[in-house]
Structure formats: C-alpha cells, structure tokens
Amino acid sequence: MSKLELIIRNGKIVTPGGERVADLGIADEKIVALGSNLSGGAHFEVNAAGRHIFPGLIDAHVHFNEPGRTDWEGIETGSRALAAGGGTVFFDMPLNAHPPTCDAESFDLKLAAARKNSLTDFAFWGGLVPQNLDRLEELADCGVIGFKAFMTDSGIEDFPCVDDQTLRAGMQRAAKLSLPVAVHAESEMLTRELAAEKIAAGKTSISDYLASRPVAAELEAIRRAIDLAGETGCALHVVHVSSGAGVALIAAAKKTGVNVTCETCPHYLVLTEDDLEKLGAVAKCAPPLRSPTMVAKLWEHLVSGDITTIGSDHSPSPPEMKRDQNFFKVWGGISGGQHTLPLLLTGRGRGGESQINLDAHSAKDQGRVTSSPALPLIAKLTSFNVAERFRLPKTKGRIEIGADADLALVDLSQDFSVRAEDLFYRHQQSPYTGRTLTGRVVQTILRGHTIFKDGKIVSVKKGKLIKPIL
C-alpha cells in the first residue's frame, strides 16, 4: 500500500451495522483503506485504542442566524461548537437570518458568510412562507436541502407562518422539485388563542406558557401536515417532535404510504417540564418540554425505530432576550449544538442506564467500555439517516471506503461536567451547564483534517457547501 496521509489505528468503528475494531487509512480527504493492521506508513498516525469512532455528526437543524443576526450566534462560533461536539456538517435554517433564506439573493448572502466563517461543511434550508411560493424553484437551483415552513407563529416578523392553502401549494412545488418540506408543527389557532387567554388574565408564568402549548396543538398540526403530504405526494419531515403520540401519528402514516419522517431533539429526550420550572428561560423552547411520562414514551419510539433523525435545534439568542417577567416574551430557543452525542450517550441518566437502549447499556469495566447495541443506533440517527433522508452525496454520513473522512473520536470511559467556560457558543448559556455527561469527544476530523482536538479548535480550514443529489 502506498503511503497514506493519515492512519487511525485500533479504534472501535461504529456504523449502523455494528461495531468493529479496525484501522482507517485516509488520503485525499477520503477513507481509502479499512481493515485490521493496515500495512505501510502515513505522514501522521493516531492511536485510537479505547476510543469509539463515529461518523461525523450531521446536524440537520441549527439556527446560526447569519447574516443579519450574527450577534445571536453566527456561523463561526456555531460551527466551532458543532465541531467540538463531533459535528462535521450542519443544515442552517432559513430563519433567524435577516434576510431569511427565501430567495436566491438571500441564499447567496448566507453562502458568502458560510464560506468565509464555517469550520465545518454545511447545507441550507430554504424558507417556505406565504410571499415566496414563486421563489422555490430558484432556491432549488441554488442547492437548498429542502424547504422549512412554520405552521404557527415563528416569533420572527420576517418569517411568517403558512396557512393550509400556502402549505399545500408549497408542497406541490416541492414535490415537483423532488425536495422535502420540513414543518414546525403546532396549531397556530390553538396556541394563539390559549396564549391570548393567559396573557389577558395576567397569567404569564412558566406553567402558563406550558399550558398554552399543549400536546394537542402539536398533534393537530401533524395530522394536517400528513394529510397535505399525502395529497400532494410531497416528502414531509416533521422537525422537533416532542411527544411519543406525535411520533405514533407519523409512524402510522408511513404505513399507509405517506412519505413522512420525523426528527426529535436531545432536549426532548433529556429534559422535562420540571426542568423548565427549575432552569427557567434557558430551557424555553417550542414545542415546550413535556412531562416525564411523555419523555419515556418518546424514548420508546426512538428505540423502536420510529424516529428517523436527531437534530439539536440549536437556537440561541443574546442573554438579555432570555430575561423578562412575562415568560411569553422570553426568547424560545435552546443552545445545545455542542452536546448532542454526549447527551445521547448518557441518556436520561435514570439509574445509570442510557434509555436509548432498553436491552443493554454501556458499562465501565476497569476503564474499558463494553460493546453496546445502542451505539449503532446513535450513528444512524445522527449521521447515516440524515444523509439518506436528505439525499446527501454518498460520501457523507458513513464510514466506508470512498467516503469523506468525517469522523468523531469519542472516549466513552470519560465523564465530564458541562461548564460555561467550555462552551464555544457566542453566548455561554446552556440548560446542560452543571450536568455530568458520559462520552467526551476528543477529536473531530473533517475530510481527513483534524479540526478539533482535546478541547481546542486546531484548524482554520473552511467548510464547503453540500448539495442534495436529486
């Protein structure tokens, strides 16, 4: 074998098909060799003994807010945080950028910012709003990964929600373009009326906010979105599903032939409404956190395979937007993009077991972590399934010969405490601060280049745009 640029030896490689100890040979940004005891040398070698190698995390749901609201996060700090969590690709949402990504001109503005500032590879969602139905084709030509629509108020004035007529028309166009539509599924009518009732009565506490966004609002919107997807033949992806009942609706629709999948987020698996009462604004999101019983049901659906992807829905803001006596006015978004993998590896932490796997769990034995069937599922949810659902090039989301060398090296023997000073976000706020997690990301490799190692960003290499293969 000719000399390679990098050999990673003795790591336990995690793929959707299982785990195996093997060496990886990398050249020209690709995995070119995979096997035991690779012969020959390399310019660099990494001994990954005792570490698990995951395909680089692909986060299909982040709000880095650039251009226009870079003071909320920005692509530079957001992509650094992603890399620190083992991420190698992000899909940025069309909001809360200003202007939102709703036409070719706004796409080009975001692309210029990402090419300048992104540490990792990236893709973009296009917006689906009432005023841009005639712009979906040009967004498709630009290379968007799909179209994002809100079925309730987005909280951003320049990104209004869609009614059923607009969503139907958008889905018809998206189907012709062979691109998916992602929806924030909550009933605008129900959430607006319930919130108005609470506010009019002077009831603006955390519990009042929770009561204004019941699971019924999520389920009603999911049903309508499924009906429209079935009618139009559009590929539908329901983002940040917060309840097992919502996932069950989607799973049932799939069995009838509707092209629908869903995502959930770590905060819906790890935090509950009790945590929101305790933590306050830093844990506010929409849909809101749910009861412990609902969280348990969500885990059951995750394990059974009904959930397709996991995204962080990283949606930060300046700290002052998280301060108001009226909880309805507090910005609703959680900063979590840096800890998706460790949160999944740790699970809910109840009784020391990861709830992602109900049959076995990662256990520590004299400093070594035993094999766990949970890990292939995590690789599927955070990388492989994302690449497949959104038709990324076959070089993404997998560890195999010919794939991009996008890798996350994780030490499952390490527990660590989430500290504000270790966050790479523009604003060091997170609902996980102080929480002990299992599974430290020790190295992140993007197309064969180490971009994060041992707690530090070690590269200035810029990411590139990833387009779907249509």
Protein backbone atom coordinates (compact mmCIF):
# COMPACT_ATOMS: atom_id res chain seq x y z
CA MET A 1 0.00 0.00 0.00
CA SER A 2 1.31 3.45 -0.90
CA LYS A 3 1.95 5.89 1.88
CA LEU A 4 -1.20 7.42 3.33
CA GLU A 5 -1.74 10.88 4.74
CA LEU A 6 -3.29 9.56 7.96
CA ILE A 7 -3.85 6.21 9.61
CA ILE A 8 -6.14 5.90 12.61
CA ARG A 9 -5.33 2.64 14.34
CA ASN A 10 -7.18 0.37 16.75
CA GLY A 11 -10.37 2.41 17.12
CA LYS A 12 -13.76 0.81 17.56
CA ILE A 13 -15.64 1.92 14.45
CA VAL A 14 -19.35 2.49 14.94
CA THR A 15 -21.72 2.23 11.98
CA PRO A 16 -25.45 1.47 11.72
CA GLY A 17 -24.46 -2.13 11.05
CA GLY A 18 -22.49 -2.59 14.26
CA GLU A 19 -19.06 -2.08 15.80
CA ARG A 20 -15.64 -3.40 14.92
CA VAL A 21 -12.04 -2.65 15.86
CA ALA A 22 -10.14 -1.67 12.74
CA ASP A 23 -7.69 0.78 11.20
CA LEU A 24 -8.69 3.59 8.86
CA GLY A 25 -6.42 4.80 6.07
CA ILE A 26 -7.06 8.31 4.76
CA ALA A 27 -5.78 10.10 1.65
CA ASP A 28 -7.10 12.98 -0.47
CA GLU A 29 -9.81 13.65 2.15
CA LYS A 30 -11.30 10.15 1.69
CA ILE A 31 -11.28 6.86 3.51
CA VAL A 32 -9.19 4.69 1.18
CA ALA A 33 -8.42 1.72 3.41
CA LEU A 34 -10.32 -0.05 6.17
CA GLY A 35 -9.13 -3.17 7.92
CA SER A 36 -7.03 -4.72 10.65
CA ASN A 37 -3.34 -3.91 10.94
CA LEU A 38 -3.06 -1.80 7.80
CA SER A 39 0.39 -2.11 6.34
CA GLY A 40 2.57 0.75 5.22
CA GLY A 41 3.03 4.08 6.83
CA ALA A 42 1.47 7.51 6.80
CA HIS A 43 2.51 11.08 7.31
CA PHE A 44 0.51 11.01 10.56
CA GLU A 45 -0.81 8.21 12.73
CA VAL A 46 -3.37 8.31 15.54
CA ASN A 47 -3.67 5.53 18.09
CA ALA A 48 -7.39 5.37 18.83
CA ALA A 49 -7.26 2.33 21.09
CA GLY A 50 -10.06 2.51 23.65
CA ARG A 51 -11.96 5.09 21.64
CA HIS A 52 -15.07 4.80 19.53
CA ILE A 53 -15.10 6.31 16.04
CA PHE A 54 -18.46 7.62 14.90
CA PRO A 55 -19.27 9.06 11.51
CA GLY A 56 -19.14 12.83 11.85
CA LEU A 57 -22.40 14.13 13.25
CA ILE A 58 -24.69 15.81 10.71
CA ASP A 59 -26.94 18.30 12.48
CA ALA A 60 -29.88 18.98 10.17
CA HIS A 61 -31.42 21.64 12.40
CA VAL A 62 -29.46 24.67 13.58
CA HIS A 63 -30.10 28.41 13.69
CA PHE A 64 -26.76 30.18 13.33
CA ASN A 65 -28.57 33.42 12.43
CA GLU A 66 -26.19 34.75 9.83
CA PRO A 67 -26.37 37.10 8.04
CA GLY A 68 -28.16 39.83 9.95
CA ARG A 69 -28.30 38.46 13.49
CA THR A 70 -24.73 37.33 13.97
CA ASP A 71 -24.84 38.80 17.48
CA TRP A 72 -27.22 35.94 18.34
CA GLU A 73 -24.67 33.29 17.30
CA GLY A 74 -23.03 33.42 13.87
CA ILE A 75 -21.63 30.70 11.65
CA GLU A 76 -18.10 30.95 13.04
CA THR A 77 -18.95 30.25 16.68
CA GLY A 78 -21.81 27.92 15.80
CA SER A 79 -19.68 25.70 13.58
CA ARG A 80 -16.90 25.65 16.17
CA ALA A 81 -19.36 24.43 18.80
CA LEU A 82 -20.62 21.81 16.37
CA ALA A 83 -17.07 20.59 15.74
CA ALA A 84 -16.42 20.41 19.49
CA GLY A 85 -19.36 18.01 19.69
CA GLY A 86 -18.16 15.76 16.88
CA GLY A 87 -20.12 17.51 14.14
CA THR A 88 -18.86 17.84 10.57
CA VAL A 89 -21.95 19.12 8.71
CA PHE A 90 -24.80 21.43 9.68
CA PHE A 91 -28.02 22.41 7.90
CA ASP A 92 -28.80 26.03 8.71
CA MET A 93 -32.44 27.05 8.94
CA PRO A 94 -33.71 29.97 6.84
CA LEU A 95 -34.60 31.94 9.95
CA ASN A 96 -33.42 33.70 12.11
CA ALA A 97 -31.09 35.13 9.50
CA HIS A 98 -32.01 38.59 8.26
CA PRO A 99 -32.93 38.49 5.49
CA PRO A 100 -34.26 34.95 5.84
CA THR A 101 -33.19 32.49 3.14
CA CYS A 102 -36.26 32.83 0.96
CA ASP A 103 -34.79 33.60 -2.48
CA ALA A 104 -31.56 33.30 -4.45
CA GLU A 105 -30.24 36.66 -3.30
CA SER A 106 -30.58 35.80 0.39
CA PHE A 107 -29.11 32.35 -0.29
CA ASP A 108 -26.03 33.96 -1.82
CA LEU A 109 -25.60 36.23 1.21
CA LYS A 110 -25.64 33.23 3.54
CA LEU A 111 -23.34 31.24 1.28
CA ALA A 112 -20.75 34.02 1.29
CA ALA A 113 -20.88 34.18 5.08
CA ALA A 114 -20.55 30.39 5.44
CA ARG A 115 -17.65 30.14 3.01
CA LYS A 116 -15.84 32.78 5.00
CA ASN A 117 -16.67 31.61 8.51
CA SER A 118 -17.64 27.94 8.68
CA LEU A 119 -15.22 25.45 10.21
CA THR A 120 -17.39 22.54 9.05
CA ASP A 121 -19.26 21.60 5.89
CA PHE A 122 -22.77 22.98 5.58
CA ALA A 123 -26.10 22.90 3.76
CA PHE A 124 -29.00 25.34 3.80
CA TRP A 125 -32.74 25.05 4.19
CA GLY A 126 -34.81 27.40 2.05
CA GLY A 127 -37.81 29.16 3.52
CA LEU A 128 -41.43 28.40 2.66
CA VAL A 129 -43.52 31.45 3.53
CA PRO A 130 -46.67 32.99 2.02
CA GLN A 131 -44.77 35.55 -0.08
CA ASN A 132 -42.14 33.31 -1.75
CA LEU A 133 -44.02 30.48 -3.48
CA ASP A 134 -42.68 31.71 -6.81
CA ARG A 135 -39.10 31.58 -5.45
CA LEU A 136 -38.91 27.91 -4.53
CA GLU A 137 -37.54 26.92 -7.92
CA GLU A 138 -34.67 29.40 -7.71
CA LEU A 139 -33.86 28.18 -4.22
CA ALA A 140 -33.77 24.64 -5.55
CA ASP A 141 -31.39 25.76 -8.28
CA CYS A 142 -29.15 27.26 -5.58
CA GLY A 143 -28.93 23.85 -3.90
CA VAL A 144 -31.13 24.05 -0.79
CA ILE A 145 -31.62 20.83 1.10
CA GLY A 146 -35.39 21.37 1.34
CA PHE A 147 -37.95 23.95 2.44
CA LYS A 148 -38.88 24.90 6.00
CA ALA A 149 -42.35 26.16 6.98
CA PHE A 150 -43.90 27.18 10.28
CA MET A 151 -47.48 26.17 11.00
CA THR A 152 -47.53 28.58 13.94
CA ASP A 153 -46.01 31.98 14.64
CA SER A 154 -42.23 31.71 14.24
CA GLY A 155 -41.52 34.60 16.59
CA ILE A 156 -39.72 36.38 13.74
CA GLU A 157 -41.60 39.09 11.86
CA ASP A 158 -39.90 38.48 8.52
CA PHE A 159 -40.70 34.75 8.53
CA PRO A 160 -44.50 34.41 8.79
CA CYS A 161 -46.30 31.14 9.26
CA VAL A 162 -48.22 29.37 6.49
CA ASP A 163 -51.89 28.51 6.31
CA ASP A 164 -53.06 25.25 4.77
CA GLN A 165 -53.54 26.80 1.33
CA THR A 166 -49.96 28.09 1.25
CA LEU A 167 -48.54 24.86 2.64
CA ARG A 168 -50.43 22.81 0.05
CA ALA A 169 -49.16 25.00 -2.78
CA GLY A 170 -45.62 24.87 -1.41
CA MET A 171 -45.75 21.10 -1.07
CA GLN A 172 -46.96 20.74 -4.65
CA ARG A 173 -43.99 22.76 -5.91
CA ALA A 174 -41.56 20.93 -3.61
CA ALA A 175 -42.79 17.55 -4.86
CA LYS A 176 -42.10 18.60 -8.46
CA LEU A 177 -38.63 19.71 -7.38
CA SER A 178 -38.01 16.38 -5.52
CA LEU A 179 -37.23 18.26 -2.31
CA PRO A 180 -38.71 17.71 1.15
CA VAL A 181 -40.72 20.16 3.21
CA ALA A 182 -39.90 20.39 6.90
CA VAL A 183 -42.57 21.75 9.22
CA HIS A 184 -42.70 23.19 12.68
CA ALA A 185 -45.95 21.51 13.60
CA GLU A 186 -48.03 23.37 16.16
CA SER A 187 -51.54 24.70 15.62
CA GLU A 188 -51.44 28.49 15.19
CA MET A 189 -55.12 28.87 16.04
CA LEU A 190 -54.92 26.84 19.24
CA THR A 191 -51.62 28.25 20.54
CA ARG A 192 -52.63 31.83 19.72
CA GLU A 193 -55.99 31.54 21.47
CA LEU A 194 -54.61 29.82 24.55
CA ALA A 195 -51.75 32.32 24.89
CA ALA A 196 -54.12 35.27 24.46
CA GLU A 197 -56.39 33.93 27.20
CA LYS A 198 -53.50 33.54 29.62
CA ILE A 199 -51.98 36.94 28.89
CA ALA A 200 -55.36 38.72 29.12
CA ALA A 201 -55.81 37.19 32.58
CA GLY A 202 -52.34 38.34 33.66
CA LYS A 203 -51.10 34.76 33.79
CA THR A 204 -47.58 34.83 32.31
CA SER A 205 -45.62 32.29 34.35
CA ILE A 206 -43.72 29.25 33.12
CA SER A 207 -46.66 26.98 33.88
CA ASP A 208 -48.97 29.31 31.95
CA TYR A 209 -46.68 29.14 28.93
CA LEU A 210 -46.66 25.34 29.13
CA ALA A 211 -50.46 25.29 29.27
CA SER A 212 -50.65 27.46 26.15
CA ARG A 213 -48.80 24.91 24.01
CA PRO A 214 -50.35 21.53 24.83
CA VAL A 215 -49.54 18.31 23.03
CA ALA A 216 -52.93 18.63 21.35
CA ALA A 217 -51.61 21.62 19.39
CA GLU A 218 -48.71 19.54 18.08
CA LEU A 219 -50.89 16.58 17.16
CA GLU A 220 -53.46 18.70 15.31
CA ALA A 221 -50.77 20.28 13.15
CA ILE A 222 -49.02 16.97 12.46
CA ARG A 223 -52.30 15.47 11.24
CA ARG A 224 -52.88 18.37 8.84
CA ALA A 225 -49.31 18.24 7.53
CA ILE A 226 -49.59 14.49 6.94
CA ASP A 227 -52.87 14.91 5.09
CA LEU A 228 -51.36 17.58 2.82
CA ALA A 229 -48.25 15.49 2.19
CA GLY A 230 -50.37 12.51 1.23
CA GLU A 231 -52.49 14.66 -1.07
CA THR A 232 -49.54 16.32 -2.83
CA GLY A 233 -47.02 13.47 -2.83
CA CYS A 234 -44.52 15.69 -1.05
CA ALA A 235 -41.76 14.29 1.15
CA LEU A 236 -42.54 15.60 4.65
CA HIS A 237 -40.14 15.89 7.59
CA VAL A 238 -41.66 16.93 10.92
CA VAL A 239 -38.97 18.63 12.98
CA HIS A 240 -38.50 18.59 16.75
CA VAL A 241 -41.38 16.25 17.59
CA SER A 242 -41.78 16.48 21.35
CA SER A 243 -44.19 13.64 22.08
CA GLY A 244 -44.50 9.93 21.53
CA ALA A 245 -48.07 10.50 20.40
CA GLY A 246 -46.78 12.73 17.59
CA VAL A 247 -44.28 10.10 16.51
CA ALA A 248 -47.04 7.47 16.55
CA LEU A 249 -49.11 9.55 14.11
CA ILE A 250 -46.14 9.75 11.76
CA ALA A 251 -45.34 6.05 12.04
CA ALA A 252 -48.96 5.17 11.24
CA ALA A 253 -48.97 7.47 8.22
CA LYS A 254 -45.79 5.89 6.87
CA LYS A 255 -47.52 2.52 6.89
CA THR A 256 -50.21 3.93 4.60
CA GLY A 257 -47.61 5.08 2.07
CA VAL A 258 -47.17 8.74 3.03
CA ASN A 259 -43.55 9.85 2.56
CA VAL A 260 -43.08 11.25 6.07
CA THR A 261 -40.28 11.11 8.61
CA CYS A 262 -39.54 12.94 11.82
CA GLU A 263 -36.82 14.37 13.99
CA THR A 264 -36.60 14.81 17.71
CA CYS A 265 -34.02 16.71 19.75
CA PRO A 266 -31.84 15.86 22.74
CA HIS A 267 -33.67 18.34 24.97
CA TYR A 268 -36.95 16.45 24.50
CA LEU A 269 -35.19 13.23 25.49
CA VAL A 270 -33.21 14.60 28.42
CA LEU A 271 -35.21 17.48 29.93
CA THR A 272 -38.80 17.66 31.19
CA GLU A 273 -41.27 20.38 32.12
CA ASP A 274 -39.97 20.03 35.67
CA ASP A 275 -36.54 21.08 34.41
CA LEU A 276 -38.11 24.11 32.71
CA GLU A 277 -39.63 25.18 36.03
CA LYS A 278 -36.23 24.76 37.67
CA LEU A 279 -33.96 26.20 34.98
CA GLY A 280 -36.23 28.90 33.59
CA ALA A 281 -35.67 30.77 30.34
CA VAL A 282 -32.52 28.89 29.29
CA ALA A 283 -34.72 25.82 28.77
CA LYS A 284 -37.62 27.52 26.96
CA CYS A 285 -38.42 26.10 23.52
CA ALA A 286 -41.38 25.44 21.26
CA PRO A 287 -42.92 22.93 21.34
CA PRO A 288 -42.18 23.08 25.06
CA LEU A 289 -40.61 20.42 27.22
CA ARG A 290 -43.02 17.70 28.22
CA SER A 291 -43.87 15.54 31.24
CA PRO A 292 -41.62 12.68 32.39
CA THR A 293 -44.25 10.20 31.17
CA MET A 294 -44.19 11.72 27.69
CA VAL A 295 -40.40 11.70 27.66
CA ALA A 296 -40.43 7.98 28.43
CA LYS A 297 -42.81 7.37 25.51
CA LEU A 298 -40.56 9.35 23.19
CA TRP A 299 -37.63 7.11 24.16
CA GLU A 300 -39.71 4.03 23.38
CA HIS A 301 -40.39 5.28 19.87
CA LEU A 302 -36.74 6.16 19.42
CA VAL A 303 -35.64 2.66 20.30
CA SER A 304 -38.31 1.08 18.09
CA GLY A 305 -37.01 2.96 15.05
CA ASP A 306 -39.97 5.30 14.51
CA ILE A 307 -37.78 8.42 14.74
CA THR A 308 -35.53 8.99 11.73
CA THR A 309 -33.12 11.74 12.77
CA ILE A 310 -31.95 13.72 15.76
CA GLY A 311 -31.11 17.41 15.40
CA SER A 312 -30.11 19.88 18.07
CA ASP A 313 -32.46 22.73 17.05
CA HIS A 314 -29.67 24.96 18.35
CA SER A 315 -31.44 28.32 18.59
CA PRO A 316 -29.50 30.83 20.68
CA SER A 317 -30.06 34.47 21.49
CA PRO A 318 -28.32 37.24 23.43
CA PRO A 319 -28.78 36.76 27.20
CA GLU A 320 -30.98 39.84 27.51
CA MET A 321 -33.60 38.18 25.31
CA LYS A 322 -33.88 35.47 27.94
CA ARG A 323 -34.87 37.95 30.68
CA ASP A 324 -38.47 39.03 31.20
CA GLN A 325 -41.03 38.66 33.97
CA ASN A 326 -43.54 37.75 31.28
CA PHE A 327 -42.42 34.27 30.21
CA PHE A 328 -44.31 34.57 26.94
CA LYS A 329 -41.91 37.36 25.91
CA VAL A 330 -38.76 35.33 26.64
CA TRP A 331 -36.98 34.10 23.51
CA GLY A 332 -37.80 30.44 22.95
CA GLY A 333 -34.67 28.61 21.89
CA ILE A 334 -32.19 26.17 23.43
CA SER A 335 -28.42 26.24 22.95
CA GLY A 336 -27.43 22.61 22.60
CA GLY A 337 -25.50 22.02 19.39
CA GLN A 338 -22.25 21.17 21.18
CA HIS A 339 -23.54 18.22 23.19
CA THR A 340 -25.81 16.08 21.02
CA LEU A 341 -23.57 12.99 21.05
CA PRO A 342 -22.74 13.04 24.79
CA LEU A 343 -26.38 13.65 25.67
CA LEU A 344 -27.46 10.62 23.67
CA LEU A 345 -24.65 8.51 25.06
CA THR A 346 -25.63 9.49 28.58
CA GLY A 347 -29.39 9.19 28.04
CA ARG A 348 -31.65 10.35 30.81
CA GLY A 349 -29.25 9.10 33.44
CA ARG A 350 -32.00 7.42 35.44
CA GLY A 351 -30.44 4.58 37.37
CA GLY A 352 -27.20 4.97 35.46
CA GLU A 353 -28.52 3.49 32.21
CA SER A 354 -28.89 5.06 28.79
CA GLN A 355 -32.54 4.94 27.79
CA ILE A 356 -31.62 4.75 24.13
CA ASN A 357 -31.10 1.05 24.61
CA LEU A 358 -33.55 -1.00 26.62
CA ASP A 359 -31.69 -4.30 26.24
CA ALA A 360 -28.16 -3.41 27.28
CA HIS A 361 -26.10 -0.38 28.12
CA SER A 362 -22.55 0.85 28.01
CA ALA A 363 -20.89 -0.24 31.23
CA LYS A 364 -17.48 0.59 32.55
CA ASP A 365 -15.23 -2.32 33.38
CA GLN A 366 -11.73 -1.48 34.54
CA GLY A 367 -11.63 1.62 32.35
CA ARG A 368 -12.98 -0.13 29.25
CA VAL A 369 -16.45 0.35 27.80
CA THR A 370 -18.27 -2.80 26.81
CA SER A 371 -19.95 -3.09 23.44
CA SER A 372 -23.49 -1.74 23.35
CA PRO A 373 -26.12 -2.09 20.62
CA ALA A 374 -27.10 1.49 21.45
CA LEU A 375 -24.11 2.93 19.64
CA PRO A 376 -25.03 1.81 16.08
CA LEU A 377 -28.46 3.38 16.61
CA ILE A 378 -26.85 6.68 17.61
CA ALA A 379 -24.70 6.59 14.46
CA LYS A 380 -27.84 6.03 12.42
CA LEU A 381 -29.86 8.82 14.00
CA THR A 382 -27.14 11.46 13.95
CA SER A 383 -25.42 10.79 10.66
CA PHE A 384 -26.37 7.96 8.30
CA ASN A 385 -30.13 8.56 8.37
CA VAL A 386 -29.66 12.30 7.95
CA ALA A 387 -27.54 11.78 4.84
CA GLU A 388 -30.02 9.28 3.42
CA ARG A 389 -33.20 11.22 4.11
CA PHE A 390 -31.87 14.44 2.62
CA ARG A 391 -30.07 12.74 -0.27
CA LEU A 392 -26.59 13.94 0.51
CA PRO A 393 -23.74 12.63 -1.64
CA LYS A 394 -22.94 9.03 -0.76
CA THR A 395 -19.62 10.25 0.63
CA LYS A 396 -21.41 11.68 3.69
CA GLY A 397 -22.77 10.02 6.81
CA ARG A 398 -20.87 6.76 6.68
CA ILE A 399 -17.54 5.11 7.43
CA GLU A 400 -16.57 3.08 4.38
CA ILE A 401 -14.03 3.12 1.59
CA GLY A 402 -14.69 6.06 -0.70
CA ALA A 403 -16.50 8.14 1.91
CA ASP A 404 -15.30 11.51 3.11
CA ALA A 405 -13.13 11.07 6.19
CA ASP A 406 -15.64 12.82 8.50
CA LEU A 407 -15.12 11.30 11.92
CA ALA A 408 -15.78 11.86 15.61
CA LEU A 409 -13.47 10.11 18.09
CA VAL A 410 -15.22 9.62 21.42
CA ASP A 411 -13.86 8.40 24.75
CA LEU A 412 -16.75 6.59 26.42
CA SER A 413 -14.71 6.00 29.57
CA GLN A 414 -14.75 9.70 30.35
CA ASP A 415 -17.41 11.51 32.33
CA PHE A 416 -17.31 15.29 32.27
CA SER A 417 -19.23 18.22 33.65
CA VAL A 418 -20.66 20.77 31.23
CA ARG A 419 -19.09 24.11 32.14
CA ALA A 420 -19.95 27.52 30.72
CA GLU A 421 -16.27 28.26 30.06
CA ASP A 422 -16.01 25.20 27.79
CA LEU A 423 -18.87 26.26 25.52
CA PHE A 424 -17.87 27.52 22.09
CA TYR A 425 -21.12 29.42 21.60
CA ARG A 426 -21.11 33.19 21.24
CA HIS A 427 -23.13 33.31 24.48
CA GLN A 428 -22.08 30.75 27.09
CA GLN A 429 -25.55 29.67 28.14
CA SER A 430 -26.98 26.17 28.09
CA PRO A 431 -29.58 24.20 30.04
CA TYR A 432 -26.97 21.46 30.43
CA THR A 433 -24.47 23.55 32.40
CA GLY A 434 -23.55 21.63 35.55
CA ARG A 435 -24.81 18.32 34.18
CA THR A 436 -22.42 15.34 34.13
CA LEU A 437 -22.28 13.58 30.78
CA THR A 438 -20.63 10.39 29.55
CA GLY A 439 -18.64 10.25 26.34
CA ARG A 440 -16.18 13.05 25.68
CA VAL A 441 -15.50 13.98 22.06
CA VAL A 442 -11.70 14.07 21.91
CA GLN A 443 -11.14 14.65 18.19
CA THR A 444 -13.21 15.71 15.19
CA ILE A 445 -11.94 15.14 11.66
CA LEU A 446 -13.44 16.84 8.60
CA ARG A 447 -12.47 15.30 5.25
CA GLY A 448 -9.26 13.97 6.77
CA HIS A 449 -8.27 17.20 8.53
CA THR A 450 -8.42 17.45 12.31
CA ILE A 451 -10.47 20.50 13.22
CA PHE A 452 -10.98 19.87 16.95
CA LYS A 453 -8.77 18.03 19.41
CA ASP A 454 -8.58 17.75 23.18
CA GLY A 455 -10.84 20.70 23.88
CA LYS A 456 -9.37 23.06 21.29
CA ILE A 457 -10.12 24.16 17.75
CA VAL A 458 -6.96 23.28 15.83
CA SER A 459 -7.77 24.23 12.25
CA VAL A 460 -8.82 27.22 10.23
CA LYS A 461 -9.86 25.07 7.27
CA LYS A 462 -13.15 26.32 5.87
CA GLY A 463 -16.12 24.11 5.19
CA LYS A 464 -17.87 23.75 1.86
CA LEU A 465 -21.46 23.73 0.63
CA ILE A 466 -23.11 20.31 0.39
CA LYS A 467 -26.00 20.00 -2.05
CA PRO A 468 -28.53 17.16 -2.31
CA ILE A 469 -28.25 14.66 -5.14
CA LEU A 470 -31.57 14.91 -6.98
